[in-house]
């Protein structure tokens, strides 16, 4: 029997045999030889029954061990179909829970690796374009007979490309911090008007050059959040609207406060969203059908992450009066 290789099993039987033999000898001497024989027979019968159940239990434990070993060597799942009660059934149930949890973790890790691989490919692609252009511009600037006007143009373009790369790296770093949960967002009372002024300040000159107007219909609405992070999130939305609004157009920001939420609406006078793009607008590295050549597809994704981290939601749609519209809501309680 393979069970004899188990030292606990051997000790148990040695102890049981010793006790049975001692009781049988005592019965033989104290009562009668027949009593000793009966004690010995009863001990042997009980020992046999115990051996049958013990062997069955060891076989079930061995079968469970083999199943776990299969899991460790690549089998997809552990199927345990026994529903008996008892300590061994509890052990089966706990092992099944553990293997399911390990499988879920392995699947999540595999998914994260695939996402990281795609993200790195996207980042490499986005960086390669400006870096290639900068390398060409630097080579041209090194030419001794380059006209002064052309040198100024190349320097200006090189500066623009460097700013593009800097923004890309900084935004990706902030998104990774949000993903890792290492950002400690503040919970201050923010006035929507102050937020709009801060978010739109960097866009004042570009909108003026385009002949665009920023219309702000905000009173004293407010919400709880982190002003610097929200200014960046709203700034990305305003920038998106500006880039898709034709010259002479307008971007309108409205606010509304209710007992349940504070709502900020940003609407432009551009062509609106392609309906097929709306479900994917806030996904990382997604570029819609109307995206410009310089679009990377992370600005709106970052905005959604910042807003969601502050108990908010953001949606996009095409209103009936034309243009594109973003609707942000900050709830006054957890939703």
C-alpha atoms as a PDB file:
ATOM      1  CA  UNK A   1       0.000   0.000   0.000  1.00  0.00           C
ATOM      2  CA  UNK A   2       1.303   3.421  -0.975  1.00  0.00           C
ATOM      3  CA  UNK A   3      -0.238   4.858   2.188  1.00  0.00           C
ATOM      4  CA  UNK A   4       2.497   3.111   4.244  1.00  0.00           C
ATOM      5  CA  UNK A   5       4.986   5.575   2.815  1.00  0.00           C
ATOM      6  CA  UNK A   6       3.239   8.230   4.868  1.00  0.00           C
ATOM      7  CA  UNK A   7       4.928   8.357   8.328  1.00  0.00           C
ATOM      8  CA  UNK A   8       1.777   9.694   9.988  1.00  0.00           C
ATOM      9  CA  UNK A   9      -0.208   6.763   8.592  1.00  0.00           C
ATOM     10  CA  UNK A  10       2.387   4.264   9.893  1.00  0.00           C
ATOM     11  CA  UNK A  11       2.482   5.834  13.364  1.00  0.00           C
ATOM     12  CA  UNK A  12      -1.314   5.797  13.523  1.00  0.00           C
ATOM     13  CA  UNK A  13      -1.478   2.072  12.780  1.00  0.00           C
ATOM     14  CA  UNK A  14       1.377   1.170  15.121  1.00  0.00           C
ATOM     15  CA  UNK A  15      -0.404   3.043  17.921  1.00  0.00           C
ATOM     16  CA  UNK A  16      -3.763   1.434  17.045  1.00  0.00           C
ATOM     17  CA  UNK A  17      -2.246  -2.081  16.897  1.00  0.00           C
ATOM     18  CA  UNK A  18      -0.431  -1.604  20.193  1.00  0.00           C
ATOM     19  CA  UNK A  19      -3.577  -0.427  22.002  1.00  0.00           C
ATOM     20  CA  UNK A  20      -5.692  -3.264  20.505  1.00  0.00           C
ATOM     21  CA  UNK A  21      -3.118  -5.916  21.453  1.00  0.00           C
ATOM     22  CA  UNK A  22      -2.851  -4.520  24.994  1.00  0.00           C
ATOM     23  CA  UNK A  23      -6.646  -4.562  25.463  1.00  0.00           C
ATOM     24  CA  UNK A  24      -6.903  -8.096  24.058  1.00  0.00           C
ATOM     25  CA  UNK A  25      -4.130  -9.300  26.407  1.00  0.00           C
ATOM     26  CA  UNK A  26      -5.833  -7.652  29.375  1.00  0.00           C
ATOM     27  CA  UNK A  27      -9.156  -9.285  28.489  1.00  0.00           C
ATOM     28  CA  UNK A  28      -7.453 -12.675  28.123  1.00  0.00           C
ATOM     29  CA  UNK A  29      -5.802 -12.445  31.519  1.00  0.00           C
ATOM     30  CA  UNK A  30      -8.428 -10.625  33.558  1.00  0.00           C
ATOM     31  CA  UNK A  31     -11.694 -11.990  32.116  1.00  0.00           C
ATOM     32  CA  UNK A  32     -11.175 -15.033  29.921  1.00  0.00           C
ATOM     33  CA  UNK A  33      -9.362 -16.172  26.813  1.00  0.00           C
ATOM     34  CA  UNK A  34     -12.619 -15.819  24.861  1.00  0.00           C
ATOM     35  CA  UNK A  35     -12.872 -12.146  25.876  1.00  0.00           C
ATOM     36  CA  UNK A  36      -9.344 -11.536  24.659  1.00  0.00           C
ATOM     37  CA  UNK A  37     -10.132 -13.150  21.305  1.00  0.00           C
ATOM     38  CA  UNK A  38     -13.341 -11.103  20.928  1.00  0.00           C
ATOM     39  CA  UNK A  39     -11.488  -7.861  21.708  1.00  0.00           C
ATOM     40  CA  UNK A  40      -8.839  -8.761  19.162  1.00  0.00           C
ATOM     41  CA  UNK A  41     -11.476  -9.602  16.509  1.00  0.00           C
ATOM     42  CA  UNK A  42     -13.431  -6.400  17.170  1.00  0.00           C
ATOM     43  CA  UNK A  43     -10.220  -4.367  17.008  1.00  0.00           C
ATOM     44  CA  UNK A  44      -9.291  -6.011  13.736  1.00  0.00           C
ATOM     45  CA  UNK A  45     -12.770  -5.375  12.266  1.00  0.00           C
ATOM     46  CA  UNK A  46     -12.789  -1.739  13.307  1.00  0.00           C
ATOM     47  CA  UNK A  47      -9.243  -1.376  12.016  1.00  0.00           C
ATOM     48  CA  UNK A  48     -10.285  -2.792   8.640  1.00  0.00           C
ATOM     49  CA  UNK A  49     -13.209  -0.386   8.353  1.00  0.00           C
ATOM     50  CA  UNK A  50     -10.919   2.484   9.338  1.00  0.00           C
ATOM     51  CA  UNK A  51      -8.339   1.351   6.771  1.00  0.00           C
ATOM     52  CA  UNK A  52     -10.950   1.302   3.972  1.00  0.00           C
ATOM     53  CA  UNK A  53     -12.120   4.860   4.673  1.00  0.00           C
ATOM     54  CA  UNK A  54      -8.584   6.108   5.256  1.00  0.00           C
ATOM     55  CA  UNK A  55      -7.399   4.631   1.995  1.00  0.00           C
ATOM     56  CA  UNK A  56     -10.353   6.201   0.189  1.00  0.00           C
ATOM     57  CA  UNK A  57      -9.548   9.576   1.723  1.00  0.00           C
ATOM     58  CA  UNK A  58      -5.893   9.331   0.724  1.00  0.00           C
ATOM     59  CA  UNK A  59      -6.873   8.416  -2.830  1.00  0.00           C
ATOM     60  CA  UNK A  60      -9.135  11.460  -3.062  1.00  0.00           C
ATOM     61  CA  UNK A  61      -6.370  13.682  -1.721  1.00  0.00           C
ATOM     62  CA  UNK A  62      -3.950  12.168  -4.257  1.00  0.00           C
ATOM     63  CA  UNK A  63      -6.449  12.781  -7.082  1.00  0.00           C
ATOM     64  CA  UNK A  64      -6.854  16.391  -5.939  1.00  0.00           C
ATOM     65  CA  UNK A  65      -3.072  16.779  -5.852  1.00  0.00           C
ATOM     66  CA  UNK A  66      -2.810  15.498  -9.421  1.00  0.00           C
ATOM     67  CA  UNK A  67      -5.462  17.974 -10.573  1.00  0.00           C
ATOM     68  CA  UNK A  68      -3.606  20.850  -8.939  1.00  0.00           C
ATOM     69  CA  UNK A  69      -0.393  19.625 -10.576  1.00  0.00           C
ATOM     70  CA  UNK A  70      -2.147  19.718 -13.959  1.00  0.00           C
ATOM     71  CA  UNK A  71      -3.145  23.321 -13.283  1.00  0.00           C
ATOM     72  CA  UNK A  72       0.459  24.200 -12.525  1.00  0.00           C
ATOM     73  CA  UNK A  73       1.491  22.664 -15.843  1.00  0.00           C
ATOM     74  CA  UNK A  74      -0.949  24.534 -18.049  1.00  0.00           C
ATOM     75  CA  UNK A  75      -4.391  22.960 -17.744  1.00  0.00           C
ATOM     76  CA  UNK A  76      -6.993  25.693 -18.092  1.00  0.00           C
ATOM     77  CA  UNK A  77      -9.268  24.980 -15.142  1.00  0.00           C
ATOM     78  CA  UNK A  78      -9.921  22.704 -12.186  1.00  0.00           C
ATOM     79  CA  UNK A  79     -13.276  20.901 -12.234  1.00  0.00           C
ATOM     80  CA  UNK A  80     -14.417  19.462  -8.902  1.00  0.00           C
ATOM     81  CA  UNK A  81     -17.810  17.753  -9.115  1.00  0.00           C
ATOM     82  CA  UNK A  82     -18.049  16.182  -5.625  1.00  0.00           C
ATOM     83  CA  UNK A  83     -20.629  17.808  -3.394  1.00  0.00           C
ATOM     84  CA  UNK A  84     -20.171  15.757  -0.208  1.00  0.00           C
ATOM     85  CA  UNK A  85     -19.859  17.526   3.108  1.00  0.00           C
ATOM     86  CA  UNK A  86     -16.827  17.266   5.342  1.00  0.00           C
ATOM     87  CA  UNK A  87     -13.329  18.590   5.747  1.00  0.00           C
ATOM     88  CA  UNK A  88     -12.126  17.115   2.462  1.00  0.00           C
ATOM     89  CA  UNK A  89     -14.992  18.766   0.583  1.00  0.00           C
ATOM     90  CA  UNK A  90     -14.110  22.080   2.217  1.00  0.00           C
ATOM     91  CA  UNK A  91     -10.530  21.573   1.069  1.00  0.00           C
ATOM     92  CA  UNK A  92     -11.720  20.834  -2.480  1.00  0.00           C
ATOM     93  CA  UNK A  93     -13.856  23.963  -2.477  1.00  0.00           C
ATOM     94  CA  UNK A  94     -11.029  26.187  -1.222  1.00  0.00           C
ATOM     95  CA  UNK A  95      -8.574  24.738  -3.744  1.00  0.00           C
ATOM     96  CA  UNK A  96     -11.074  25.360  -6.540  1.00  0.00           C
ATOM     97  CA  UNK A  97     -11.512  28.969  -5.408  1.00  0.00           C
ATOM     98  CA  UNK A  98      -7.742  29.402  -5.297  1.00  0.00           C
ATOM     99  CA  UNK A  99      -7.222  27.999  -8.790  1.00  0.00           C
ATOM    100  CA  UNK A 100     -10.026  30.151 -10.198  1.00  0.00           C
ATOM    101  CA  UNK A 101      -8.495  33.238  -8.611  1.00  0.00           C
ATOM    102  CA  UNK A 102      -5.050  32.322  -9.966  1.00  0.00           C
ATOM    103  CA  UNK A 103      -6.556  31.805 -13.426  1.00  0.00           C
ATOM    104  CA  UNK A 104      -8.293  35.196 -13.263  1.00  0.00           C
ATOM    105  CA  UNK A 105      -5.035  36.852 -12.219  1.00  0.00           C
ATOM    106  CA  UNK A 106      -3.158  35.092 -15.013  1.00  0.00           C
ATOM    107  CA  UNK A 107      -5.758  36.173 -17.575  1.00  0.00           C
ATOM    108  CA  UNK A 108      -5.626  39.760 -16.285  1.00  0.00           C
ATOM    109  CA  UNK A 109      -1.829  39.725 -16.458  1.00  0.00           C
ATOM    110  CA  UNK A 110      -1.942  38.371 -19.997  1.00  0.00           C
ATOM    111  CA  UNK A 111      -4.442  41.070 -20.972  1.00  0.00           C
ATOM    112  CA  UNK A 112      -2.264  43.756 -19.373  1.00  0.00           C
ATOM    113  CA  UNK A 113       0.743  42.507 -21.301  1.00  0.00           C
ATOM    114  CA  UNK A 114      -1.173  42.662 -24.575  1.00  0.00           C
ATOM    115  CA  UNK A 115      -2.421  46.168 -23.759  1.00  0.00           C
ATOM    116  CA  UNK A 116       1.084  47.291 -22.800  1.00  0.00           C
ATOM    117  CA  UNK A 117       2.450  45.846 -26.033  1.00  0.00           C
ATOM    118  CA  UNK A 118      -0.129  47.725 -28.113  1.00  0.00           C
ATOM    119  CA  UNK A 119       0.400  50.909 -26.102  1.00  0.00           C
ATOM    120  CA  UNK A 120       4.168  50.754 -26.580  1.00  0.00           C
ATOM    121  CA  UNK A 121       3.697  50.225 -30.307  1.00  0.00           C
ATOM    122  CA  UNK A 122       1.376  53.252 -30.450  1.00  0.00           C
ATOM    123  CA  UNK A 123       3.785  55.379 -28.418  1.00  0.00           C
ATOM    124  CA  UNK A 124       6.688  54.355 -30.639  1.00  0.00           C
ATOM    125  CA  UNK A 125       4.665  55.228 -33.721  1.00  0.00           C
ATOM    126  CA  UNK A 126       3.657  58.615 -32.322  1.00  0.00           C
ATOM    127  CA  UNK A 127       7.215  59.486 -31.309  1.00  0.00           C
ATOM    128  CA  UNK A 128       8.806  58.240 -34.496  1.00  0.00           C
ATOM    129  CA  UNK A 129       7.029  60.787 -36.721  1.00  0.00           C
ATOM    130  CA  UNK A 130       8.200  63.976 -34.942  1.00  0.00           C
ATOM    131  CA  UNK A 131      11.646  62.505 -34.226  1.00  0.00           C
ATOM    132  CA  UNK A 132      12.118  61.691 -37.917  1.00  0.00           C
ATOM    133  CA  UNK A 133      11.064  65.220 -38.854  1.00  0.00           C
ATOM    134  CA  UNK A 134      13.410  66.750 -36.243  1.00  0.00           C
ATOM    135  CA  UNK A 135      16.306  64.634 -37.458  1.00  0.00           C
ATOM    136  CA  UNK A 136      15.736  65.882 -41.010  1.00  0.00           C
ATOM    137  CA  UNK A 137      15.414  69.496 -39.852  1.00  0.00           C
ATOM    138  CA  UNK A 138      18.623  69.306 -37.809  1.00  0.00           C
ATOM    139  CA  UNK A 139      20.427  67.899 -40.848  1.00  0.00           C
ATOM    140  CA  UNK A 140      19.165  70.753 -43.004  1.00  0.00           C
ATOM    141  CA  UNK A 141      20.118  73.334 -40.370  1.00  0.00           C
ATOM    142  CA  UNK A 142      23.668  71.999 -40.491  1.00  0.00           C
ATOM    143  CA  UNK A 143      23.957  73.061 -44.126  1.00  0.00           C
ATOM    144  CA  UNK A 144      26.270  76.077 -44.460  1.00  0.00           C
ATOM    145  CA  UNK A 145      24.537  77.623 -47.487  1.00  0.00           C
ATOM    146  CA  UNK A 146      21.009  77.547 -46.045  1.00  0.00           C
ATOM    147  CA  UNK A 147      19.196  80.910 -46.516  1.00  0.00           C
ATOM    148  CA  UNK A 148      18.408  82.859 -43.358  1.00  0.00           C
ATOM    149  CA  UNK A 149      14.631  82.795 -43.922  1.00  0.00           C
ATOM    150  CA  UNK A 150      14.671  79.028 -44.413  1.00  0.00           C
ATOM    151  CA  UNK A 151      16.800  78.616 -41.291  1.00  0.00           C
ATOM    152  CA  UNK A 152      14.233  80.576 -39.258  1.00  0.00           C
ATOM    153  CA  UNK A 153      11.390  78.450 -40.647  1.00  0.00           C
ATOM    154  CA  UNK A 154      13.204  75.219 -39.807  1.00  0.00           C
ATOM    155  CA  UNK A 155      14.055  76.457 -36.310  1.00  0.00           C
ATOM    156  CA  UNK A 156      10.415  77.375 -35.701  1.00  0.00           C
ATOM    157  CA  UNK A 157       9.253  73.960 -36.957  1.00  0.00           C
ATOM    158  CA  UNK A 158      11.878  72.198 -34.839  1.00  0.00           C
ATOM    159  CA  UNK A 159      10.643  74.049 -31.765  1.00  0.00           C
ATOM    160  CA  UNK A 160       7.069  73.028 -32.566  1.00  0.00           C
ATOM    161  CA  UNK A 161       8.035  69.381 -32.934  1.00  0.00           C
ATOM    162  CA  UNK A 162       9.948  69.466 -29.631  1.00  0.00           C
ATOM    163  CA  UNK A 163       6.879  70.920 -27.926  1.00  0.00           C
ATOM    164  CA  UNK A 164       4.778  68.147 -29.435  1.00  0.00           C
ATOM    165  CA  UNK A 165       7.092  65.438 -28.105  1.00  0.00           C
ATOM    166  CA  UNK A 166       7.276  67.107 -24.692  1.00  0.00           C
ATOM    167  CA  UNK A 167       3.485  67.252 -24.459  1.00  0.00           C
ATOM    168  CA  UNK A 168       3.160  63.627 -25.536  1.00  0.00           C
ATOM    169  CA  UNK A 169       5.657  62.343 -22.958  1.00  0.00           C
ATOM    170  CA  UNK A 170       4.214  64.488 -20.169  1.00  0.00           C
ATOM    171  CA  UNK A 171       0.645  63.401 -20.921  1.00  0.00           C
ATOM    172  CA  UNK A 172       1.583  59.718 -21.052  1.00  0.00           C
ATOM    173  CA  UNK A 173       3.395  60.076 -17.721  1.00  0.00           C
ATOM    174  CA  UNK A 174       0.328  61.651 -16.128  1.00  0.00           C
ATOM    175  CA  UNK A 175      -1.904  58.906 -17.511  1.00  0.00           C
ATOM    176  CA  UNK A 176       0.401  56.237 -16.089  1.00  0.00           C
ATOM    177  CA  UNK A 177       0.246  57.966 -12.693  1.00  0.00           C
ATOM    178  CA  UNK A 178      -3.544  57.939 -12.828  1.00  0.00           C
ATOM    179  CA  UNK A 179      -3.503  54.275 -13.831  1.00  0.00           C
ATOM    180  CA  UNK A 180      -1.201  53.374 -10.944  1.00  0.00           C
ATOM    181  CA  UNK A 181      -3.285  55.337  -8.453  1.00  0.00           C
ATOM    182  CA  UNK A 182      -0.295  57.384  -7.294  1.00  0.00           C
ATOM    183  CA  UNK A 183      -2.017  60.735  -7.851  1.00  0.00           C
ATOM    184  CA  UNK A 184      -3.469  62.301  -4.700  1.00  0.00           C
ATOM    185  CA  UNK A 185      -6.306  64.413  -6.079  1.00  0.00           C
ATOM    186  CA  UNK A 186      -7.464  67.320  -3.968  1.00  0.00           C
ATOM    187  CA  UNK A 187     -11.073  67.861  -2.897  1.00  0.00           C
ATOM    188  CA  UNK A 188     -11.448  71.627  -3.047  1.00  0.00           C
ATOM    189  CA  UNK A 189     -14.491  73.655  -3.895  1.00  0.00           C
ATOM    190  CA  UNK A 190     -13.988  74.769  -7.510  1.00  0.00           C
ATOM    191  CA  UNK A 191     -15.926  77.532  -9.199  1.00  0.00           C
ATOM    192  CA  UNK A 192     -16.772  76.613 -12.794  1.00  0.00           C
ATOM    193  CA  UNK A 193     -16.006  80.131 -14.025  1.00  0.00           C
ATOM    194  CA  UNK A 194     -12.508  80.013 -12.528  1.00  0.00           C
ATOM    195  CA  UNK A 195     -12.004  76.572 -14.045  1.00  0.00           C
ATOM    196  CA  UNK A 196     -13.020  77.745 -17.529  1.00  0.00           C
ATOM    197  CA  UNK A 197     -10.754  80.801 -17.325  1.00  0.00           C
ATOM    198  CA  UNK A 198      -7.784  78.684 -16.308  1.00  0.00           C
ATOM    199  CA  UNK A 199      -8.425  75.946 -18.891  1.00  0.00           C
ATOM    200  CA  UNK A 200      -8.998  78.362 -21.793  1.00  0.00           C
ATOM    201  CA  UNK A 201      -6.044  80.695 -21.092  1.00  0.00           C
ATOM    202  CA  UNK A 202      -3.511  78.708 -23.227  1.00  0.00           C
ATOM    203  CA  UNK A 203      -5.990  78.713 -26.144  1.00  0.00           C
ATOM    204  CA  UNK A 204      -6.667  82.453 -26.203  1.00  0.00           C
ATOM    205  CA  UNK A 205      -4.072  83.310 -28.873  1.00  0.00           C
ATOM    206  CA  UNK A 206      -4.725  80.273 -31.150  1.00  0.00           C
ATOM    207  CA  UNK A 207      -8.468  81.003 -31.079  1.00  0.00           C
ATOM    208  CA  UNK A 208      -7.839  84.679 -31.821  1.00  0.00           C
ATOM    209  CA  UNK A 209      -5.664  83.773 -34.807  1.00  0.00           C
ATOM    210  CA  UNK A 210      -8.477  81.557 -36.083  1.00  0.00           C
ATOM    211  CA  UNK A 211     -11.060  84.248 -35.530  1.00  0.00           C
ATOM    212  CA  UNK A 212     -12.929  82.005 -33.115  1.00  0.00           C
ATOM    213  CA  UNK A 213     -14.984  83.119 -30.141  1.00  0.00           C
ATOM    214  CA  UNK A 214     -15.198  81.518 -26.713  1.00  0.00           C
ATOM    215  CA  UNK A 215     -18.656  82.043 -25.256  1.00  0.00           C
ATOM    216  CA  UNK A 216     -18.992  81.402 -21.527  1.00  0.00           C
ATOM    217  CA  UNK A 217     -22.451  81.109 -19.953  1.00  0.00           C
ATOM    218  CA  UNK A 218     -21.462  80.379 -16.351  1.00  0.00           C
ATOM    219  CA  UNK A 219     -22.710  81.965 -13.125  1.00  0.00           C
ATOM    220  CA  UNK A 220     -21.736  80.762  -9.657  1.00  0.00           C
ATOM    221  CA  UNK A 221     -21.861  76.979 -10.248  1.00  0.00           C
ATOM    222  CA  UNK A 222     -19.245  74.915  -8.421  1.00  0.00           C
ATOM    223  CA  UNK A 223     -18.222  71.352  -7.592  1.00  0.00           C
ATOM    224  CA  UNK A 224     -15.655  69.468  -5.516  1.00  0.00           C
ATOM    225  CA  UNK A 225     -12.422  68.473  -7.256  1.00  0.00           C
ATOM    226  CA  UNK A 226      -8.794  69.203  -8.071  1.00  0.00           C
ATOM    227  CA  UNK A 227      -8.437  72.498  -9.963  1.00  0.00           C
ATOM    228  CA  UNK A 228      -5.041  71.941 -11.695  1.00  0.00           C
ATOM    229  CA  UNK A 229      -5.982  68.475 -12.957  1.00  0.00           C
ATOM    230  CA  UNK A 230      -9.457  69.567 -14.008  1.00  0.00           C
ATOM    231  CA  UNK A 231      -8.057  72.602 -15.823  1.00  0.00           C
ATOM    232  CA  UNK A 232      -5.914  70.263 -17.899  1.00  0.00           C
ATOM    233  CA  UNK A 233      -8.829  67.895 -18.538  1.00  0.00           C
ATOM    234  CA  UNK A 234     -11.168  70.700 -19.614  1.00  0.00           C
ATOM    235  CA  UNK A 235      -8.334  72.297 -21.604  1.00  0.00           C
ATOM    236  CA  UNK A 236      -8.007  69.111 -23.692  1.00  0.00           C
ATOM    237  CA  UNK A 237     -11.730  69.215 -24.436  1.00  0.00           C
ATOM    238  CA  UNK A 238     -11.653  72.905 -25.389  1.00  0.00           C
ATOM    239  CA  UNK A 239      -8.609  72.262 -27.590  1.00  0.00           C
ATOM    240  CA  UNK A 240     -10.441  69.443 -29.349  1.00  0.00           C
ATOM    241  CA  UNK A 241     -13.408  71.722 -30.010  1.00  0.00           C
ATOM    242  CA  UNK A 242     -11.149  74.533 -31.220  1.00  0.00           C
ATOM    243  CA  UNK A 243      -9.354  72.254 -33.684  1.00  0.00           C
ATOM    244  CA  UNK A 244     -12.644  71.034 -35.173  1.00  0.00           C
ATOM    245  CA  UNK A 245     -14.270  74.467 -35.380  1.00  0.00           C
ATOM    246  CA  UNK A 246     -13.849  76.394 -38.664  1.00  0.00           C
ATOM    247  CA  UNK A 247     -12.428  79.898 -38.724  1.00  0.00           C
ATOM    248  CA  UNK A 248     -14.922  82.435 -37.425  1.00  0.00           C
ATOM    249  CA  UNK A 249     -16.748  79.773 -35.430  1.00  0.00           C
ATOM    250  CA  UNK A 250     -17.430  79.640 -31.711  1.00  0.00           C
ATOM    251  CA  UNK A 251     -16.982  77.332 -28.735  1.00  0.00           C
ATOM    252  CA  UNK A 252     -19.633  77.655 -26.007  1.00  0.00           C
ATOM    253  CA  UNK A 253     -19.247  76.609 -22.371  1.00  0.00           C
ATOM    254  CA  UNK A 254     -22.356  76.391 -20.200  1.00  0.00           C
ATOM    255  CA  UNK A 255     -22.847  75.289 -16.608  1.00  0.00           C
ATOM    256  CA  UNK A 256     -25.792  74.101 -14.568  1.00  0.00           C
ATOM    257  CA  UNK A 257     -26.014  73.033 -10.931  1.00  0.00           C
ATOM    258  CA  UNK A 258     -28.733  70.813  -9.448  1.00  0.00           C
ATOM    259  CA  UNK A 259     -29.108  69.152  -6.038  1.00  0.00           C
ATOM    260  CA  UNK A 260     -27.655  65.974  -7.605  1.00  0.00           C
ATOM    261  CA  UNK A 261     -24.832  67.149  -9.882  1.00  0.00           C
ATOM    262  CA  UNK A 262     -22.991  70.050 -11.469  1.00  0.00           C
ATOM    263  CA  UNK A 263     -22.987  69.903 -15.262  1.00  0.00           C
ATOM    264  CA  UNK A 264     -20.549  71.560 -17.669  1.00  0.00           C
ATOM    265  CA  UNK A 265     -21.383  71.530 -21.376  1.00  0.00           C
ATOM    266  CA  UNK A 266     -18.858  72.358 -24.115  1.00  0.00           C
ATOM    267  CA  UNK A 267     -20.221  72.731 -27.650  1.00  0.00           C
ATOM    268  CA  UNK A 268     -18.589  73.871 -30.885  1.00  0.00           C
ATOM    269  CA  UNK A 269     -19.877  74.939 -34.295  1.00  0.00           C
ATOM    270  CA  UNK A 270     -17.885  72.383 -36.252  1.00  0.00           C
ATOM    271  CA  UNK A 271     -19.107  69.443 -38.345  1.00  0.00           C
ATOM    272  CA  UNK A 272     -19.774  67.243 -35.322  1.00  0.00           C
ATOM    273  CA  UNK A 273     -18.668  63.685 -34.628  1.00  0.00           C
ATOM    274  CA  UNK A 274     -18.851  60.799 -37.007  1.00  0.00           C
ATOM    275  CA  UNK A 275     -21.519  58.595 -35.319  1.00  0.00           C
ATOM    276  CA  UNK A 276     -19.221  55.581 -35.628  1.00  0.00           C
ATOM    277  CA  UNK A 277     -16.535  57.384 -33.603  1.00  0.00           C
ATOM    278  CA  UNK A 278     -18.655  58.369 -30.601  1.00  0.00           C
ATOM    279  CA  UNK A 279     -18.381  55.039 -28.671  1.00  0.00           C
ATOM    280  CA  UNK A 280     -14.565  55.123 -28.989  1.00  0.00           C
ATOM    281  CA  UNK A 281     -13.766  58.824 -28.529  1.00  0.00           C
ATOM    282  CA  UNK A 282     -12.349  58.408 -25.026  1.00  0.00           C
ATOM    283  CA  UNK A 283     -10.212  55.345 -25.764  1.00  0.00           C
ATOM    284  CA  UNK A 284      -6.440  55.756 -25.747  1.00  0.00           C
ATOM    285  CA  UNK A 285      -4.779  56.342 -29.113  1.00  0.00           C
ATOM    286  CA  UNK A 286      -8.116  56.313 -30.912  1.00  0.00           C
ATOM    287  CA  UNK A 287      -8.184  58.697 -33.862  1.00  0.00           C
ATOM    288  CA  UNK A 288     -11.573  59.442 -35.353  1.00  0.00           C
ATOM    289  CA  UNK A 289     -12.444  59.921 -38.986  1.00  0.00           C
ATOM    290  CA  UNK A 290     -12.210  63.715 -38.647  1.00  0.00           C
ATOM    291  CA  UNK A 291      -8.992  63.758 -36.593  1.00  0.00           C
ATOM    292  CA  UNK A 292      -6.194  65.987 -37.825  1.00  0.00           C
ATOM    293  CA  UNK A 293      -2.753  64.763 -38.813  1.00  0.00           C
ATOM    294  CA  UNK A 294      -1.287  65.972 -35.521  1.00  0.00           C
ATOM    295  CA  UNK A 295      -3.893  64.163 -33.437  1.00  0.00           C
ATOM    296  CA  UNK A 296      -2.537  61.422 -31.175  1.00  0.00           C
ATOM    297  CA  UNK A 297      -5.697  60.245 -29.471  1.00  0.00           C
ATOM    298  CA  UNK A 298      -4.751  60.612 -25.799  1.00  0.00           C
ATOM    299  CA  UNK A 299      -6.093  64.048 -24.859  1.00  0.00           C
ATOM    300  CA  UNK A 300      -9.729  62.983 -24.487  1.00  0.00           C
ATOM    301  CA  UNK A 301      -8.675  59.695 -22.867  1.00  0.00           C
ATOM    302  CA  UNK A 302      -6.775  61.598 -20.197  1.00  0.00           C
ATOM    303  CA  UNK A 303      -9.720  63.958 -19.654  1.00  0.00           C
ATOM    304  CA  UNK A 304     -12.029  61.010 -19.041  1.00  0.00           C
ATOM    305  CA  UNK A 305      -9.572  59.478 -16.550  1.00  0.00           C
ATOM    306  CA  UNK A 306      -9.269  62.735 -14.584  1.00  0.00           C
ATOM    307  CA  UNK A 307     -13.025  63.299 -14.536  1.00  0.00           C
ATOM    308  CA  UNK A 308     -13.800  59.710 -13.529  1.00  0.00           C
ATOM    309  CA  UNK A 309     -11.273  59.923 -10.681  1.00  0.00           C
ATOM    310  CA  UNK A 310     -13.300  62.827  -9.256  1.00  0.00           C
ATOM    311  CA  UNK A 311     -16.696  61.088  -9.260  1.00  0.00           C
ATOM    312  CA  UNK A 312     -17.622  62.518 -12.629  1.00  0.00           C
ATOM    313  CA  UNK A 313     -18.773  61.344 -16.030  1.00  0.00           C
ATOM    314  CA  UNK A 314     -18.239  62.638 -19.565  1.00  0.00           C
ATOM    315  CA  UNK A 315     -20.231  61.899 -22.706  1.00  0.00           C
ATOM    316  CA  UNK A 316     -20.120  63.140 -26.288  1.00  0.00           C
ATOM    317  CA  UNK A 317     -22.877  63.580 -28.836  1.00  0.00           C
ATOM    318  CA  UNK A 318     -24.103  65.593 -31.813  1.00  0.00           C
ATOM    319  CA  UNK A 319     -26.819  68.016 -30.698  1.00  0.00           C
ATOM    320  CA  UNK A 320     -29.769  68.830 -32.940  1.00  0.00           C
ATOM    321  CA  UNK A 321     -28.564  72.401 -33.536  1.00  0.00           C
ATOM    322  CA  UNK A 322     -25.250  71.186 -34.997  1.00  0.00           C
ATOM    323  CA  UNK A 323     -21.633  70.864 -33.895  1.00  0.00           C
ATOM    324  CA  UNK A 324     -20.127  68.547 -31.347  1.00  0.00           C
ATOM    325  CA  UNK A 325     -21.000  68.544 -27.659  1.00  0.00           C
ATOM    326  CA  UNK A 326     -19.245  67.252 -24.537  1.00  0.00           C
ATOM    327  CA  UNK A 327     -21.284  66.906 -21.335  1.00  0.00           C
ATOM    328  CA  UNK A 328     -19.453  66.632 -18.002  1.00  0.00           C
ATOM    329  CA  UNK A 329     -21.239  65.887 -14.747  1.00  0.00           C
ATOM    330  CA  UNK A 330     -19.799  65.947 -11.244  1.00  0.00           C
ATOM    331  CA  UNK A 331     -22.083  64.213  -8.789  1.00  0.00           C
ATOM    332  CA  UNK A 332     -22.512  65.412  -5.227  1.00  0.00           C
ATOM    333  CA  UNK A 333     -22.523  61.830  -3.915  1.00  0.00           C
ATOM    334  CA  UNK A 334     -20.842  58.617  -5.063  1.00  0.00           C
ATOM    335  CA  UNK A 335     -22.489  57.051  -8.111  1.00  0.00           C
END
